[in-house]
């Protein structure tokens, strides 16, 4: 296989298995003909990919300056308060993982968060609580 297929292979593994395992990284390195370190580097570079299992619902909040100025800290605090976890953590029942990322593409709706593939914008503490409870 050609090296330019690597990212597609990694994304497919993420979609099918929920994370990129060590075994998958080794297999990809062998099939593409590059080092394990190079595959690992690609798999860990992108914030929407994970080498660790995530919860069924992944919450992503933008940590870039435009969102920060539009009250991203309020969203982070609100999610943490409702779920009892902080960024980089997963609830004990594996229902939610909470991640900070560089961009979710929703600056026009800030403050916003992404849960799985759906954007929720113009958030308030009350909206955050209602949205998260709708996943119960």
Protein backbone atom coordinates (compact mmCIF):
# COMPACT_ATOMS: atom_id res chain seq x y z
CA UNK A 1 0.00 0.00 0.00
CA UNK A 2 1.08 3.53 -0.57
CA UNK A 3 1.96 5.91 2.21
CA UNK A 4 -0.71 8.41 1.17
CA UNK A 5 -3.39 5.88 2.17
CA UNK A 6 -2.28 5.95 5.81
CA UNK A 7 -4.62 8.65 7.10
CA UNK A 8 -7.61 6.93 5.50
CA UNK A 9 -6.60 3.66 7.15
CA UNK A 10 -6.28 5.37 10.52
CA UNK A 11 -9.66 7.09 10.19
CA UNK A 12 -11.31 3.83 9.19
CA UNK A 13 -9.84 2.09 12.24
CA UNK A 14 -11.13 4.90 14.46
CA UNK A 15 -14.62 4.63 12.97
CA UNK A 16 -14.77 0.83 13.19
CA UNK A 17 -13.10 0.24 16.56
CA UNK A 18 -13.49 3.56 18.38
CA UNK A 19 -9.73 4.06 18.71
CA UNK A 20 -6.44 3.20 17.03
CA UNK A 21 -4.94 0.28 18.95
CA UNK A 22 -1.25 -0.58 19.20
CA UNK A 23 -1.90 -3.70 17.14
CA UNK A 24 -3.54 -1.65 14.38
CA UNK A 25 -0.62 0.79 14.37
CA UNK A 26 1.84 -2.09 13.94
CA UNK A 27 -0.23 -3.62 11.13
CA UNK A 28 -0.55 -0.29 9.32
CA UNK A 29 3.17 0.36 9.59
CA UNK A 30 3.93 -3.03 8.07
CA UNK A 31 1.39 -2.70 5.26
CA UNK A 32 2.48 0.82 4.30
CA UNK A 33 6.17 0.15 4.83
CA UNK A 34 6.95 2.86 7.37
CA UNK A 35 7.96 2.86 11.02
CA UNK A 36 5.55 2.32 13.88
CA UNK A 37 6.61 5.73 15.21
CA UNK A 38 5.51 7.45 12.01
CA UNK A 39 2.08 5.81 12.14
CA UNK A 40 1.76 6.67 15.83
CA UNK A 41 2.75 10.26 15.05
CA UNK A 42 -0.07 10.61 12.53
CA UNK A 43 -2.58 8.85 14.80
CA UNK A 44 -1.83 11.20 17.70
CA UNK A 45 -1.44 14.42 15.71
CA UNK A 46 -5.11 14.89 14.87
CA UNK A 47 -7.35 15.77 17.82
CA UNK A 48 -10.34 13.86 16.45
CA UNK A 49 -8.37 10.59 16.53
CA UNK A 50 -7.58 8.62 19.67
CA UNK A 51 -5.25 5.82 20.66
CA UNK A 52 -7.36 5.27 23.79
CA UNK A 53 -10.94 3.96 23.87
CA UNK A 54 -13.47 6.78 24.16
CA UNK A 55 -16.98 6.88 25.54
CA UNK A 56 -20.05 6.27 23.38
CA UNK A 57 -20.58 10.03 23.12
CA UNK A 58 -17.58 12.27 22.58
CA UNK A 59 -17.94 15.91 23.59
CA UNK A 60 -15.48 18.28 21.95
CA UNK A 61 -15.07 21.90 22.93
CA UNK A 62 -12.92 24.33 20.99
CA UNK A 63 -10.01 25.80 22.91
CA UNK A 64 -8.98 28.38 20.30
CA UNK A 65 -9.00 32.13 20.92
CA UNK A 66 -12.29 33.00 19.12
CA UNK A 67 -14.24 30.46 21.17
CA UNK A 68 -12.39 31.35 24.35
CA UNK A 69 -13.46 34.96 23.89
CA UNK A 70 -17.05 33.79 23.32
CA UNK A 71 -17.20 31.97 26.70
CA UNK A 72 -15.65 28.55 26.05
CA UNK A 73 -14.56 28.41 29.72
CA UNK A 74 -18.25 28.51 30.70
CA UNK A 75 -18.93 25.48 28.49
CA UNK A 76 -15.97 23.57 29.90
CA UNK A 77 -17.12 24.31 33.45
CA UNK A 78 -20.73 23.41 32.61
CA UNK A 79 -19.85 20.05 31.05
CA UNK A 80 -17.50 19.25 33.93
CA UNK A 81 -20.18 20.11 36.48
CA UNK A 82 -22.92 18.02 34.84
CA UNK A 83 -20.76 14.97 34.06
CA UNK A 84 -18.29 15.10 36.94
CA UNK A 85 -15.29 14.77 34.62
CA UNK A 86 -12.75 17.15 33.18
CA UNK A 87 -11.20 17.49 29.75
CA UNK A 88 -9.35 14.33 28.69
CA UNK A 89 -11.54 12.11 30.87
CA UNK A 90 -14.30 9.56 30.31
CA UNK A 91 -17.21 8.87 32.64
CA UNK A 92 -17.00 5.62 34.59
CA UNK A 93 -20.00 4.23 32.68
CA UNK A 94 -18.22 5.08 29.38
CA UNK A 95 -21.21 7.12 28.17
CA UNK A 96 -19.19 10.32 27.67
CA UNK A 97 -15.66 11.35 26.87
CA UNK A 98 -14.76 15.03 27.18
CA UNK A 99 -12.08 16.46 24.88
CA UNK A 100 -10.70 19.90 24.11
CA UNK A 101 -9.77 20.48 20.49
CA UNK A 102 -8.37 23.29 18.38
CA UNK A 103 -11.49 23.85 16.28
CA UNK A 104 -14.94 22.38 15.73
CA UNK A 105 -15.79 24.72 12.85
CA UNK A 106 -18.56 26.53 14.70
CA UNK A 107 -17.11 29.98 15.42
CA UNK A 108 -20.31 31.60 14.17
CA UNK A 109 -22.30 29.70 16.80
CA UNK A 110 -19.89 30.17 19.72
CA UNK A 111 -20.04 29.28 22.46
CA UNK A 112 -20.48 25.82 20.95
CA UNK A 113 -19.69 22.18 21.51
CA UNK A 114 -19.64 19.13 19.29
CA UNK A 115 -21.13 15.87 20.53
CA UNK A 116 -20.27 13.05 18.17
CA UNK A 117 -21.05 14.67 14.80
CA UNK A 118 -23.62 17.24 15.92
CA UNK A 119 -22.85 20.87 16.76
CA UNK A 120 -24.71 22.61 19.57
CA UNK A 121 -24.31 26.38 19.55
CA UNK A 122 -25.23 29.58 21.35
CA UNK A 123 -24.88 27.68 24.60
CA UNK A 124 -25.82 28.70 28.10
CA UNK A 125 -25.33 26.67 31.31
CA UNK A 126 -28.99 25.62 31.16
CA UNK A 127 -28.76 24.49 27.54
CA UNK A 128 -25.66 22.46 28.34
CA UNK A 129 -27.47 20.62 31.13
CA UNK A 130 -30.52 19.93 28.94
CA UNK A 131 -28.39 18.70 26.02
CA UNK A 132 -26.31 16.34 28.14
CA UNK A 133 -29.37 14.97 29.94
CA UNK A 134 -30.97 14.20 26.56
CA UNK A 135 -28.25 11.57 26.09
CA UNK A 136 -29.33 9.62 29.21
